PDB file of N, CA and C in Angstrom:
ATOM      1  N   MET A   1      -9.526  25.655  16.363  1.00  0.00           N
ATOM      2  CA  MET A   1      -9.145  25.148  15.046  1.00  0.00           C
ATOM      3  C   MET A   1      -8.980  23.629  15.106  1.00  0.00           C
ATOM      4  N   THR A   2      -9.555  22.909  14.150  1.00  0.00           N
ATOM      5  CA  THR A   2      -9.478  21.457  14.112  1.00  0.00           C
ATOM      6  C   THR A   2      -8.217  21.021  13.380  1.00  0.00           C
ATOM      7  N   ASP A   3      -7.527  20.032  13.944  1.00  0.00           N
ATOM      8  CA  ASP A   3      -6.320  19.491  13.328  1.00  0.00           C
ATOM      9  C   ASP A   3      -6.727  18.403  12.339  1.00  0.00           C
ATOM     10  N   THR A   4      -6.452  18.594  11.036  1.00  0.00           N
ATOM     11  CA  THR A   4      -6.837  17.609  10.019  1.00  0.00           C
ATOM     12  C   THR A   4      -5.638  16.839   9.476  1.00  0.00           C
ATOM     13  N   ARG A   5      -4.479  16.982  10.137  1.00  0.00           N
ATOM     14  CA  ARG A   5      -3.326  16.193   9.698  1.00  0.00           C
ATOM     15  C   ARG A   5      -3.602  14.715   9.944  1.00  0.00           C
ATOM     16  N   PRO A   6      -3.133  13.844   9.058  1.00  0.00           N
ATOM     17  CA  PRO A   6      -3.419  12.422   9.223  1.00  0.00           C
ATOM     18  C   PRO A   6      -2.710  11.832  10.433  1.00  0.00           C
ATOM     19  N   ASP A   7      -3.421  10.985  11.153  1.00  0.00           N
ATOM     20  CA  ASP A   7      -2.875  10.258  12.282  1.00  0.00           C
ATOM     21  C   ASP A   7      -3.328   8.804  12.146  1.00  0.00           C
ATOM     22  N   PRO A   8      -2.485   7.945  11.525  1.00  0.00           N
ATOM     23  CA  PRO A   8      -2.884   6.553  11.315  1.00  0.00           C
ATOM     24  C   PRO A   8      -3.241   5.820  12.605  1.00  0.00           C
ATOM     25  N   ALA A   9      -2.662   6.228  13.733  1.00  0.00           N
ATOM     26  CA  ALA A   9      -2.950   5.559  14.992  1.00  0.00           C
ATOM     27  C   ALA A   9      -4.398   5.746  15.416  1.00  0.00           C
ATOM     28  N   THR A  10      -4.972   6.907  15.128  1.00  0.00           N
ATOM     29  CA  THR A  10      -6.351   7.179  15.535  1.00  0.00           C
ATOM     30  C   THR A  10      -7.336   7.097  14.387  1.00  0.00           C
ATOM     31  N   GLY A  11      -6.829   7.060  13.139  1.00  0.00           N
ATOM     32  CA  GLY A  11      -7.717   7.033  11.981  1.00  0.00           C
ATOM     33  C   GLY A  11      -8.309   8.387  11.665  1.00  0.00           C
ATOM     34  N   LYS A  12      -7.740   9.449  12.209  1.00  0.00           N
ATOM     35  CA  LYS A  12      -8.258  10.811  11.995  1.00  0.00           C
ATOM     36  C   LYS A  12      -7.454  11.516  10.909  1.00  0.00           C
ATOM     37  N   GLY A  13      -8.083  12.508  10.278  1.00  0.00           N
ATOM     38  CA  GLY A  13      -7.423  13.289   9.239  1.00  0.00           C
ATOM     39  C   GLY A  13      -7.586  12.643   7.874  1.00  0.00           C
ATOM     40  N   ASN A  14      -7.072  13.307   6.842  1.00  0.00           N
ATOM     41  CA  ASN A  14      -7.189  12.817   5.470  1.00  0.00           C
ATOM     42  C   ASN A  14      -5.822  12.479   4.901  1.00  0.00           C
ATOM     43  N   ILE A  15      -5.806  11.446   4.049  1.00  0.00           N
ATOM     44  CA  ILE A  15      -4.586  11.051   3.357  1.00  0.00           C
ATOM     45  C   ILE A  15      -4.917  10.763   1.897  1.00  0.00           C
ATOM     46  N   SER A  16      -3.867  10.713   1.088  1.00  0.00           N
ATOM     47  CA  SER A  16      -3.958  10.291  -0.311  1.00  0.00           C
ATOM     48  C   SER A  16      -2.906   9.218  -0.522  1.00  0.00           C
ATOM     49  N   VAL A  17      -3.339   8.065  -1.026  1.00  0.00           N
ATOM     50  CA  VAL A  17      -2.440   6.933  -1.240  1.00  0.00           C
ATOM     51  C   VAL A  17      -2.475   6.517  -2.700  1.00  0.00           C
ATOM     52  N   HIS A  18      -1.286   6.335  -3.277  1.00  0.00           N
ATOM     53  CA  HIS A  18      -1.140   5.785  -4.624  1.00  0.00           C
ATOM     54  C   HIS A  18      -0.856   4.296  -4.447  1.00  0.00           C
ATOM     55  N   ALA A  19      -1.670   3.449  -5.081  1.00  0.00           N
ATOM     56  CA  ALA A  19      -1.515   2.004  -4.954  1.00  0.00           C
ATOM     57  C   ALA A  19      -1.361   1.367  -6.327  1.00  0.00           C
ATOM     58  N   ARG A  20      -0.465   0.391  -6.404  1.00  0.00           N
ATOM     59  CA  ARG A  20      -0.325  -0.413  -7.620  1.00  0.00           C
ATOM     60  C   ARG A  20      -0.534  -1.860  -7.211  1.00  0.00           C
ATOM     61  N   ILE A  21      -1.546  -2.493  -7.808  1.00  0.00           N
ATOM     62  CA  ILE A  21      -1.973  -3.831  -7.414  1.00  0.00           C
ATOM     63  C   ILE A  21      -1.499  -4.833  -8.451  1.00  0.00           C
ATOM     64  N   GLU A  22      -0.779  -5.855  -7.981  1.00  0.00           N
ATOM     65  CA  GLU A  22      -0.250  -6.901  -8.859  1.00  0.00           C
ATOM     66  C   GLU A  22      -0.994  -8.209  -8.632  1.00  0.00           C
ATOM     67  N   GLY A  23      -1.058  -9.040  -9.664  1.00  0.00           N
ATOM     68  CA  GLY A  23      -1.688 -10.350  -9.595  1.00  0.00           C
ATOM     69  C   GLY A  23      -2.615 -10.531 -10.783  1.00  0.00           C
ATOM     70  N   ARG A  24      -3.623 -11.375 -10.622  1.00  0.00           N
ATOM     71  CA  ARG A  24      -4.642 -11.519 -11.670  1.00  0.00           C
ATOM     72  C   ARG A  24      -5.709 -10.475 -11.365  1.00  0.00           C
ATOM     73  N   VAL A  25      -5.488  -9.262 -11.877  1.00  0.00           N
ATOM     74  CA  VAL A  25      -6.354  -8.137 -11.534  1.00  0.00           C
ATOM     75  C   VAL A  25      -6.953  -7.446 -12.762  1.00  0.00           C
ATOM     76  N   GLN A  26      -6.680  -7.972 -13.926  1.00  0.00           N
ATOM     77  CA  GLN A  26      -7.313  -7.441 -15.133  1.00  0.00           C
ATOM     78  C   GLN A  26      -8.184  -8.530 -15.739  1.00  0.00           C
ATOM     79  N   GLY A  27      -9.339  -8.112 -16.273  1.00  0.00           N
ATOM     80  CA  GLY A  27     -10.276  -9.067 -16.859  1.00  0.00           C
ATOM     81  C   GLY A  27     -11.103  -9.793 -15.806  1.00  0.00           C
ATOM     82  N   VAL A  28     -11.088  -9.299 -14.558  1.00  0.00           N
ATOM     83  CA  VAL A  28     -11.833  -9.944 -13.473  1.00  0.00           C
ATOM     84  C   VAL A  28     -12.728  -8.948 -12.745  1.00  0.00           C
ATOM     85  N   TRP A  29     -13.032  -7.809 -13.385  1.00  0.00           N
ATOM     86  CA  TRP A  29     -13.942  -6.801 -12.847  1.00  0.00           C
ATOM     87  C   TRP A  29     -13.302  -6.001 -11.713  1.00  0.00           C
ATOM     88  N   TYR A  30     -11.977  -5.971 -11.635  1.00  0.00           N
ATOM     89  CA  TYR A  30     -11.296  -5.307 -10.520  1.00  0.00           C
ATOM     90  C   TYR A  30     -11.532  -3.798 -10.511  1.00  0.00           C
ATOM     91  N   ARG A  31     -11.441  -3.136 -11.667  1.00  0.00           N
ATOM     92  CA  ARG A  31     -11.627  -1.676 -11.690  1.00  0.00           C
ATOM     93  C   ARG A  31     -13.045  -1.278 -11.284  1.00  0.00           C
ATOM     94  N   ALA A  32     -14.048  -1.932 -11.853  1.00  0.00           N
ATOM     95  CA  ALA A  32     -15.432  -1.589 -11.513  1.00  0.00           C
ATOM     96  C   ALA A  32     -15.702  -1.869 -10.037  1.00  0.00           C
ATOM     97  N   TRP A  33     -15.179  -2.972  -9.527  1.00  0.00           N
ATOM     98  CA  TRP A  33     -15.314  -3.298  -8.108  1.00  0.00           C
ATOM     99  C   TRP A  33     -14.655  -2.213  -7.253  1.00  0.00           C
ATOM    100  N   THR A  34     -13.476  -1.745  -7.672  1.00  0.00           N
ATOM    101  CA  THR A  34     -12.768  -0.703  -6.939  1.00  0.00           C
ATOM    102  C   THR A  34     -13.580   0.584  -6.892  1.00  0.00           C
ATOM    103  N   VAL A  35     -14.177   0.960  -8.016  1.00  0.00           N
ATOM    104  CA  VAL A  35     -15.020   2.160  -8.045  1.00  0.00           C
ATOM    105  C   VAL A  35     -16.173   2.007  -7.047  1.00  0.00           C
ATOM    106  N   GLU A  36     -16.857   0.869  -7.072  1.00  0.00           N
ATOM    107  CA  GLU A  36     -17.975   0.644  -6.150  1.00  0.00           C
ATOM    108  C   GLU A  36     -17.529   0.723  -4.694  1.00  0.00           C
ATOM    109  N   GLU A  37     -16.424   0.042  -4.376  1.00  0.00           N
ATOM    110  CA  GLU A  37     -15.948  -0.001  -2.994  1.00  0.00           C
ATOM    111  C   GLU A  37     -15.469   1.371  -2.516  1.00  0.00           C
ATOM    112  N   ALA A  38     -14.792   2.105  -3.386  1.00  0.00           N
ATOM    113  CA  ALA A  38     -14.311   3.445  -3.011  1.00  0.00           C
ATOM    114  C   ALA A  38     -15.484   4.392  -2.791  1.00  0.00           C
ATOM    115  N   ARG A  39     -16.486   4.305  -3.641  1.00  0.00           N
ATOM    116  CA  ARG A  39     -17.659   5.175  -3.480  1.00  0.00           C
ATOM    117  C   ARG A  39     -18.438   4.833  -2.217  1.00  0.00           C
ATOM    118  N   LYS A  40     -18.509   3.551  -1.856  1.00  0.00           N
ATOM    119  CA  LYS A  40     -19.167   3.153  -0.608  1.00  0.00           C
ATOM    120  C   LYS A  40     -18.497   3.812   0.597  1.00  0.00           C
ATOM    121  N   ARG A  41     -17.201   4.026   0.482  1.00  0.00           N
ATOM    122  CA  ARG A  41     -16.425   4.626   1.580  1.00  0.00           C
ATOM    123  C   ARG A  41     -16.319   6.155   1.447  1.00  0.00           C
ATOM    124  N   ASP A  42     -17.000   6.720   0.450  1.00  0.00           N
ATOM    125  CA  ASP A  42     -16.949   8.164   0.186  1.00  0.00           C
ATOM    126  C   ASP A  42     -15.529   8.661  -0.065  1.00  0.00           C
ATOM    127  N   LEU A  43     -14.733   7.849  -0.765  1.00  0.00           N
ATOM    128  CA  LEU A  43     -13.380   8.258  -1.131  1.00  0.00           C
ATOM    129  C   LEU A  43     -13.404   8.963  -2.482  1.00  0.00           C
ATOM    130  N   THR A  44     -12.397   9.755  -2.736  1.00  0.00           N
ATOM    131  CA  THR A  44     -12.200  10.359  -4.043  1.00  0.00           C
ATOM    132  C   THR A  44     -10.920   9.798  -4.632  1.00  0.00           C
ATOM    133  N   GLY A  45     -10.759   9.973  -5.955  1.00  0.00           N
ATOM    134  CA  GLY A  45      -9.559   9.490  -6.637  1.00  0.00           C
ATOM    135  C   GLY A  45      -9.911   8.814  -7.941  1.00  0.00           C
ATOM    136  N   TRP A  46      -9.117   7.812  -8.302  1.00  0.00           N
ATOM    137  CA  TRP A  46      -9.316   7.132  -9.578  1.00  0.00           C
ATOM    138  C   TRP A  46      -8.681   5.750  -9.575  1.00  0.00           C
ATOM    139  N   VAL A  47      -9.035   4.943 -10.582  1.00  0.00           N
ATOM    140  CA  VAL A  47      -8.451   3.622 -10.796  1.00  0.00           C
ATOM    141  C   VAL A  47      -8.308   3.404 -12.299  1.00  0.00           C
ATOM    142  N   ARG A  48      -7.262   2.679 -12.709  1.00  0.00           N
ATOM    143  CA  ARG A  48      -7.078   2.353 -14.128  1.00  0.00           C
ATOM    144  C   ARG A  48      -6.209   1.107 -14.267  1.00  0.00           C
ATOM    145  N   ASN A  49      -6.377   0.427 -15.400  1.00  0.00           N
ATOM    146  CA  ASN A  49      -5.462  -0.656 -15.775  1.00  0.00           C
ATOM    147  C   ASN A  49      -4.181  -0.044 -16.295  1.00  0.00           C
ATOM    148  N   ARG A  50      -3.099  -0.815 -16.181  1.00  0.00           N
ATOM    149  CA  ARG A  50      -1.825  -0.418 -16.777  1.00  0.00           C
ATOM    150  C   ARG A  50      -1.434  -1.483 -17.797  1.00  0.00           C
ATOM    151  N   THR A  51      -0.689  -1.075 -18.793  1.00  0.00           N
ATOM    152  CA  THR A  51      -0.319  -2.006 -19.861  1.00  0.00           C
ATOM    153  C   THR A  51       0.571  -3.143 -19.359  1.00  0.00           C
ATOM    154  N   ASP A  52       1.173  -2.987 -18.169  1.00  0.00           N
ATOM    155  CA  ASP A  52       2.016  -4.055 -17.613  1.00  0.00           C
ATOM    156  C   ASP A  52       1.212  -5.118 -16.873  1.00  0.00           C
ATOM    157  N   GLY A  53      -0.136  -5.005 -16.888  1.00  0.00           N
ATOM    158  CA  GLY A  53      -0.991  -6.003 -16.265  1.00  0.00           C
ATOM    159  C   GLY A  53      -1.400  -5.683 -14.836  1.00  0.00           C
ATOM    160  N   THR A  54      -0.916  -4.582 -14.288  1.00  0.00           N
ATOM    161  CA  THR A  54      -1.299  -4.182 -12.940  1.00  0.00           C
ATOM    162  C   THR A  54      -2.504  -3.247 -12.990  1.00  0.00           C
ATOM    163  N   VAL A  55      -3.049  -2.972 -11.833  1.00  0.00           N
ATOM    164  CA  VAL A  55      -4.082  -1.952 -11.667  1.00  0.00           C
ATOM    165  C   VAL A  55      -3.493  -0.880 -10.763  1.00  0.00           C
ATOM    166  N   GLU A  56      -3.743   0.367 -11.124  1.00  0.00           N
ATOM    167  CA  GLU A  56      -3.206   1.509 -10.383  1.00  0.00           C
ATOM    168  C   GLU A  56      -4.375   2.344  -9.878  1.00  0.00           C
ATOM    169  N   ALA A  57      -4.242   2.871  -8.650  1.00  0.00           N
ATOM    170  CA  ALA A  57      -5.317   3.676  -8.079  1.00  0.00           C
ATOM    171  C   ALA A  57      -4.759   4.742  -7.152  1.00  0.00           C
ATOM    172  N   VAL A  58      -5.533   5.808  -6.993  1.00  0.00           N
ATOM    173  CA  VAL A  58      -5.271   6.826  -5.975  1.00  0.00           C
ATOM    174  C   VAL A  58      -6.533   6.913  -5.127  1.00  0.00           C
ATOM    175  N   PHE A  59      -6.355   6.740  -3.808  1.00  0.00           N
ATOM    176  CA  PHE A  59      -7.451   6.817  -2.857  1.00  0.00           C
ATOM    177  C   PHE A  59      -7.224   8.012  -1.943  1.00  0.00           C
ATOM    178  N   CYS A  60      -8.209   8.899  -1.841  1.00  0.00           N
ATOM    179  CA  CYS A  60      -8.116  10.093  -0.998  1.00  0.00           C
ATOM    180  C   CYS A  60      -9.309  10.137  -0.052  1.00  0.00           C
ATOM    181  N   GLY A  61      -9.014  10.427   1.215  1.00  0.00           N
ATOM    182  CA  GLY A  61     -10.093  10.542   2.190  1.00  0.00           C
ATOM    183  C   GLY A  61      -9.578  10.339   3.594  1.00  0.00           C
ATOM    184  N   PRO A  62     -10.506  10.130   4.542  1.00  0.00           N
ATOM    185  CA  PRO A  62     -10.116   9.914   5.926  1.00  0.00           C
ATOM    186  C   PRO A  62      -9.211   8.679   6.075  1.00  0.00           C
ATOM    187  N   VAL A  63      -8.246   8.779   6.961  1.00  0.00           N
ATOM    188  CA  VAL A  63      -7.264   7.709   7.153  1.00  0.00           C
ATOM    189  C   VAL A  63      -7.932   6.352   7.299  1.00  0.00           C
ATOM    190  N   ASP A  64      -8.921   6.229   8.180  1.00  0.00           N
ATOM    191  CA  ASP A  64      -9.525   4.929   8.436  1.00  0.00           C
ATOM    192  C   ASP A  64     -10.229   4.360   7.209  1.00  0.00           C
ATOM    193  N   ARG A  65     -10.841   5.223   6.401  1.00  0.00           N
ATOM    194  CA  ARG A  65     -11.534   4.736   5.198  1.00  0.00           C
ATOM    195  C   ARG A  65     -10.546   4.323   4.108  1.00  0.00           C
ATOM    196  N   VAL A  66      -9.463   5.080   3.964  1.00  0.00           N
ATOM    197  CA  VAL A  66      -8.438   4.709   2.973  1.00  0.00           C
ATOM    198  C   VAL A  66      -7.792   3.392   3.392  1.00  0.00           C
ATOM    199  N   GLN A  67      -7.496   3.224   4.676  1.00  0.00           N
ATOM    200  CA  GLN A  67      -6.917   1.970   5.151  1.00  0.00           C
ATOM    201  C   GLN A  67      -7.873   0.805   4.931  1.00  0.00           C
ATOM    202  N   SER A  68      -9.165   1.043   5.143  1.00  0.00           N
ATOM    203  CA  SER A  68     -10.172   0.017   4.883  1.00  0.00           C
ATOM    204  C   SER A  68     -10.186  -0.363   3.403  1.00  0.00           C
ATOM    205  N   MET A  69     -10.058   0.622   2.519  1.00  0.00           N
ATOM    206  CA  MET A  69     -10.055   0.371   1.076  1.00  0.00           C
ATOM    207  C   MET A  69      -8.830  -0.442   0.678  1.00  0.00           C
ATOM    208  N   ILE A  70      -7.673  -0.083   1.202  1.00  0.00           N
ATOM    209  CA  ILE A  70      -6.454  -0.844   0.890  1.00  0.00           C
ATOM    210  C   ILE A  70      -6.607  -2.289   1.366  1.00  0.00           C
ATOM    211  N   GLY A  71      -7.178  -2.463   2.543  1.00  0.00           N
ATOM    212  CA  GLY A  71      -7.428  -3.815   3.036  1.00  0.00           C
ATOM    213  C   GLY A  71      -8.342  -4.596   2.112  1.00  0.00           C
ATOM    214  N   ALA A  72      -9.400  -3.956   1.637  1.00  0.00           N
ATOM    215  CA  ALA A  72     -10.327  -4.610   0.710  1.00  0.00           C
ATOM    216  C   ALA A  72      -9.631  -4.954  -0.604  1.00  0.00           C
ATOM    217  N   CYS A  73      -8.721  -4.090  -1.047  1.00  0.00           N
ATOM    218  CA  CYS A  73      -7.999  -4.330  -2.303  1.00  0.00           C
ATOM    219  C   CYS A  73      -7.138  -5.583  -2.233  1.00  0.00           C
ATOM    220  N   HIS A  74      -6.693  -5.950  -1.054  1.00  0.00           N
ATOM    221  CA  HIS A  74      -5.910  -7.190  -0.907  1.00  0.00           C
ATOM    222  C   HIS A  74      -6.752  -8.416  -1.240  1.00  0.00           C
ATOM    223  N   GLU A  75      -8.068  -8.306  -1.061  1.00  0.00           N
ATOM    224  CA  GLU A  75      -8.990  -9.399  -1.393  1.00  0.00           C
ATOM    225  C   GLU A  75      -9.485  -9.258  -2.829  1.00  0.00           C
ATOM    226  N   GLY A  76      -9.974  -8.075  -3.179  1.00  0.00           N
ATOM    227  CA  GLY A  76     -10.489  -7.828  -4.518  1.00  0.00           C
ATOM    228  C   GLY A  76     -11.790  -8.553  -4.776  1.00  0.00           C
ATOM    229  N   PRO A  77     -12.288  -8.468  -6.014  1.00  0.00           N
ATOM    230  CA  PRO A  77     -13.527  -9.169  -6.374  1.00  0.00           C
ATOM    231  C   PRO A  77     -13.303 -10.675  -6.460  1.00  0.00           C
ATOM    232  N   LEU A  78     -14.380 -11.394  -6.630  1.00  0.00           N
ATOM    233  CA  LEU A  78     -14.388 -12.857  -6.570  1.00  0.00           C
ATOM    234  C   LEU A  78     -13.282 -13.548  -7.373  1.00  0.00           C
ATOM    235  N   HIS A  79     -13.083 -13.198  -8.620  1.00  0.00           N
ATOM    236  CA  HIS A  79     -12.150 -13.943  -9.474  1.00  0.00           C
ATOM    237  C   HIS A  79     -10.745 -13.350  -9.522  1.00  0.00           C
ATOM    238  N   ALA A  80     -10.495 -12.327  -8.738  1.00  0.00           N
ATOM    239  CA  ALA A  80      -9.163 -11.713  -8.710  1.00  0.00           C
ATOM    240  C   ALA A  80      -8.228 -12.530  -7.814  1.00  0.00           C
ATOM    241  N   ARG A  81      -6.932 -12.388  -8.080  1.00  0.00           N
ATOM    242  CA  ARG A  81      -5.888 -12.921  -7.206  1.00  0.00           C
ATOM    243  C   ARG A  81      -4.888 -11.801  -7.002  1.00  0.00           C
ATOM    244  N   VAL A  82      -4.824 -11.273  -5.827  1.00  0.00           N
ATOM    245  CA  VAL A  82      -3.908 -10.169  -5.540  1.00  0.00           C
ATOM    246  C   VAL A  82      -2.641 -10.751  -4.931  1.00  0.00           C
ATOM    247  N   ASP A  83      -1.509 -10.514  -5.604  1.00  0.00           N
ATOM    248  CA  ASP A  83      -0.227 -11.005  -5.120  1.00  0.00           C
ATOM    249  C   ASP A  83       0.490  -9.984  -4.252  1.00  0.00           C
ATOM    250  N   ARG A  84       0.317  -8.703  -4.604  1.00  0.00           N
ATOM    251  CA  ARG A  84       1.078  -7.665  -3.913  1.00  0.00           C
ATOM    252  C   ARG A  84       0.443  -6.300  -4.182  1.00  0.00           C
ATOM    253  N   ILE A  85       0.514  -5.433  -3.182  1.00  0.00           N
ATOM    254  CA  ILE A  85       0.088  -4.046  -3.370  1.00  0.00           C
ATOM    255  C   ILE A  85       1.229  -3.141  -2.931  1.00  0.00           C
ATOM    256  N   HIS A  86       1.667  -2.292  -3.849  1.00  0.00           N
ATOM    257  CA  HIS A  86       2.687  -1.280  -3.547  1.00  0.00           C
ATOM    258  C   HIS A  86       1.940  -0.014  -3.157  1.00  0.00           C
ATOM    259  N   GLU A  87       2.281   0.572  -2.021  1.00  0.00           N
ATOM    260  CA  GLU A  87       1.627   1.798  -1.563  1.00  0.00           C
ATOM    261  C   GLU A  87       2.652   2.894  -1.341  1.00  0.00           C
ATOM    262  N   GLU A  88       2.268   4.116  -1.685  1.00  0.00           N
ATOM    263  CA  GLU A  88       3.095   5.276  -1.375  1.00  0.00           C
ATOM    264  C   GLU A  88       2.180   6.495  -1.281  1.00  0.00           C
ATOM    265  N   PRO A  89       2.615   7.533  -0.591  1.00  0.00           N
ATOM    266  CA  PRO A  89       1.788   8.737  -0.529  1.00  0.00           C
ATOM    267  C   PRO A  89       1.534   9.272  -1.939  1.00  0.00           C
ATOM    268  N   ALA A  90       0.304   9.676  -2.193  1.00  0.00           N
ATOM    269  CA  ALA A  90      -0.038  10.246  -3.504  1.00  0.00           C
ATOM    270  C   ALA A  90       0.281  11.730  -3.496  1.00  0.00           C
ATOM    271  N   LEU A  91       0.735  12.219  -4.617  1.00  0.00           N
ATOM    272  CA  LEU A  91       1.069  13.627  -4.752  1.00  0.00           C
ATOM    273  C   LEU A  91      -0.100  14.438  -5.270  1.00  0.00           C
ATOM    274  N   GLU A  92      -1.201  13.768  -5.548  1.00  0.00           N
ATOM    275  CA  GLU A  92      -2.369  14.468  -6.083  1.00  0.00           C
ATOM    276  C   GLU A  92      -3.566  14.235  -5.180  1.00  0.00           C
ATOM    277  N   ASP A  93      -4.415  15.243  -5.104  1.00  0.00           N
ATOM    278  CA  ASP A  93      -5.670  15.115  -4.375  1.00  0.00           C
ATOM    279  C   ASP A  93      -6.621  16.180  -4.903  1.00  0.00           C
ATOM    280  N   GLY A  94      -7.667  16.484  -4.189  1.00  0.00           N
ATOM    281  CA  GLY A  94      -8.605  17.508  -4.656  1.00  0.00           C
ATOM    282  C   GLY A  94      -9.615  16.995  -5.666  1.00  0.00           C
ATOM    283  N   PHE A  95      -9.798  15.680  -5.741  1.00  0.00           N
ATOM    284  CA  PHE A  95     -10.789  15.109  -6.650  1.00  0.00           C
ATOM    285  C   PHE A  95     -12.187  15.345  -6.088  1.00  0.00           C
ATOM    286  N   THR A  96     -13.170  15.365  -6.968  1.00  0.00           N
ATOM    287  CA  THR A  96     -14.543  15.570  -6.513  1.00  0.00           C
ATOM    288  C   THR A  96     -15.329  14.268  -6.417  1.00  0.00           C
ATOM    289  N   GLY A  97     -14.787  13.185  -6.930  1.00  0.00           N
ATOM    290  CA  GLY A  97     -15.450  11.891  -6.894  1.00  0.00           C
ATOM    291  C   GLY A  97     -14.428  10.803  -7.128  1.00  0.00           C
ATOM    292  N   PHE A  98     -14.899   9.583  -7.369  1.00  0.00           N
ATOM    293  CA  PHE A  98     -14.008   8.468  -7.676  1.00  0.00           C
ATOM    294  C   PHE A  98     -14.366   7.961  -9.057  1.00  0.00           C
ATOM    295  N   GLU A  99     -13.373   7.856  -9.945  1.00  0.00           N
ATOM    296  CA  GLU A  99     -13.643   7.511 -11.339  1.00  0.00           C
ATOM    297  C   GLU A  99     -12.728   6.418 -11.870  1.00  0.00           C
ATOM    298  N   LYS A 100     -13.211   5.763 -12.918  1.00  0.00           N
ATOM    299  CA  LYS A 100     -12.413   4.788 -13.662  1.00  0.00           C
ATOM    300  C   LYS A 100     -11.776   5.529 -14.826  1.00  0.00           C
ATOM    301  N   ARG A 101     -10.463   5.406 -14.949  1.00  0.00           N
ATOM    302  CA  ARG A 101      -9.740   6.088 -16.028  1.00  0.00           C
ATOM    303  C   ARG A 101      -9.293   5.106 -17.092  1.00  0.00           C
ATOM    304  N   PRO A 102      -8.960   5.612 -18.288  1.00  0.00           N
ATOM    305  CA  PRO A 102      -8.480   4.733 -19.360  1.00  0.00           C
ATOM    306  C   PRO A 102      -7.126   4.107 -19.010  1.00  0.00           C
ATOM    307  N   THR A 103      -6.839   2.985 -19.647  1.00  0.00           N
ATOM    308  CA  THR A 103      -5.569   2.295 -19.457  1.00  0.00           C
ATOM    309  C   THR A 103      -4.391   3.215 -19.785  1.00  0.00           C
ATOM    310  N   ALA A 104      -3.342   3.097 -18.996  1.00  0.00           N
ATOM    311  CA  ALA A 104      -2.138   3.909 -19.224  1.00  0.00           C
ATOM    312  C   ALA A 104      -0.952   3.013 -19.509  1.00  0.00           C
TER     313      ALA A 104
END
Protein backbone atom coordinates (compact mmCIF):
# COMPACT_ATOMS: atom_id res chain seq x y z
CA MET A 1 0.00 0.00 0.00
CA THR A 2 1.35 3.44 -0.96
CA ASP A 3 1.40 6.18 1.68
CA THR A 4 -0.18 9.35 0.19
CA ARG A 5 -0.11 11.47 3.34
CA PRO A 6 1.63 14.79 2.71
CA ASP A 7 5.27 15.07 3.70
CA PRO A 8 6.56 18.62 3.05
CA ALA A 9 10.13 17.48 3.73
CA THR A 10 10.12 15.10 0.76
CA GLY A 11 7.48 16.78 -1.41
CA LYS A 12 5.44 13.56 -1.50
CA GLY A 13 1.69 13.17 -1.05
CA ASN A 14 -1.16 15.59 -1.77
CA ILE A 15 -2.24 18.74 0.05
CA SER A 16 -4.89 21.44 -0.30
CA VAL A 17 -3.96 25.02 0.57
CA HIS A 18 -6.26 28.03 0.90
CA ALA A 19 -4.35 31.22 0.03
CA ARG A 20 -5.33 34.88 0.27
CA ILE A 21 -3.03 37.20 -1.66
CA GLU A 22 -2.71 40.86 -0.69
CA GLY A 23 -1.18 43.75 -2.64
CA ARG A 24 -1.83 45.14 -6.11
CA VAL A 25 -3.39 41.91 -7.35
CA GLN A 26 -6.60 43.02 -9.04
CA GLY A 27 -6.70 44.60 -12.49
CA VAL A 28 -3.24 43.18 -13.30
CA TRP A 29 -4.21 39.80 -14.83
CA TYR A 30 -3.50 37.95 -11.56
CA ARG A 31 -6.45 35.51 -11.74
CA ALA A 32 -5.85 34.49 -15.36
CA TRP A 33 -2.13 34.12 -14.64
CA THR A 34 -2.96 31.95 -11.61
CA VAL A 35 -5.18 29.68 -13.72
CA GLU A 36 -2.39 29.26 -16.30
CA GLU A 37 0.28 28.58 -13.67
CA ALA A 38 -1.88 26.14 -11.71
CA ARG A 39 -2.79 24.21 -14.85
CA LYS A 40 0.89 24.02 -15.86
CA ARG A 41 1.49 22.28 -12.53
CA ASP A 42 -1.57 19.99 -12.96
CA LEU A 43 -3.17 21.41 -9.82
CA THR A 44 -6.89 21.49 -9.12
CA GLY A 45 -8.87 24.16 -7.28
CA TRP A 46 -9.98 27.70 -8.01
CA VAL A 47 -9.12 31.41 -7.86
CA ARG A 48 -11.31 34.52 -7.46
CA ASN A 49 -11.18 38.22 -6.63
CA ARG A 50 -12.61 39.37 -3.33
CA THR A 51 -14.44 42.63 -2.78
CA ASP A 52 -11.76 43.65 -0.23
CA GLY A 53 -9.17 43.86 -3.04
CA THR A 54 -7.43 40.55 -2.35
CA VAL A 55 -7.28 37.42 -4.48
CA GLU A 56 -8.29 34.11 -2.94
CA ALA A 57 -7.34 30.64 -4.19
CA VAL A 58 -7.40 26.96 -3.29
CA PHE A 59 -4.56 24.84 -4.66
CA CYS A 60 -4.79 21.02 -4.49
CA GLY A 61 -2.18 18.53 -5.60
CA PRO A 62 1.23 17.07 -4.82
CA VAL A 63 3.09 18.87 -2.03
CA ASP A 64 6.00 19.97 -4.23
CA ARG A 65 3.73 21.38 -6.95
CA VAL A 66 1.52 23.27 -4.49
CA GLN A 67 4.64 24.71 -2.82
CA SER A 68 5.94 25.72 -6.25
CA MET A 69 2.62 27.46 -6.99
CA ILE A 70 2.67 29.37 -3.69
CA GLY A 71 6.22 30.45 -4.47
CA ALA A 72 5.15 31.68 -7.90
CA CYS A 73 2.23 33.56 -6.33
CA HIS A 74 4.70 35.64 -4.32
CA GLU A 75 5.95 37.01 -7.65
CA GLY A 76 2.71 37.03 -9.66
CA PRO A 77 2.35 38.42 -13.18
CA LEU A 78 4.38 41.36 -14.48
CA HIS A 79 2.32 44.28 -13.12
CA ALA A 80 1.29 42.72 -9.80
CA ARG A 81 2.77 43.66 -6.43
CA VAL A 82 2.32 40.97 -3.81
CA ASP A 83 2.64 42.26 -0.25
CA ARG A 84 1.58 39.18 1.67
CA ILE A 85 0.13 35.71 1.25
CA HIS A 86 -1.92 34.12 4.04
CA GLU A 87 -1.88 30.31 3.83
CA GLU A 88 -3.88 27.69 5.69
CA PRO A 89 -4.96 24.12 5.02
CA ALA A 90 -7.99 24.04 2.73
CA LEU A 91 -11.06 22.17 3.89
CA GLU A 92 -12.16 21.41 0.36
CA ASP A 93 -10.69 19.24 -2.35
CA GLY A 94 -11.88 16.76 -4.98
CA PHE A 95 -11.87 19.29 -7.83
CA THR A 96 -11.52 17.99 -11.37
CA GLY A 97 -9.64 21.01 -12.75
CA PHE A 98 -8.55 24.55 -11.94
CA GLU A 99 -11.06 27.34 -12.55
CA LYS A 100 -11.59 31.08 -12.22
CA ARG A 101 -14.60 31.86 -10.05
CA PRO A 102 -16.73 35.01 -9.77
CA THR A 103 -15.83 37.71 -7.26
CA ALA A 104 -17.00 37.04 -3.71
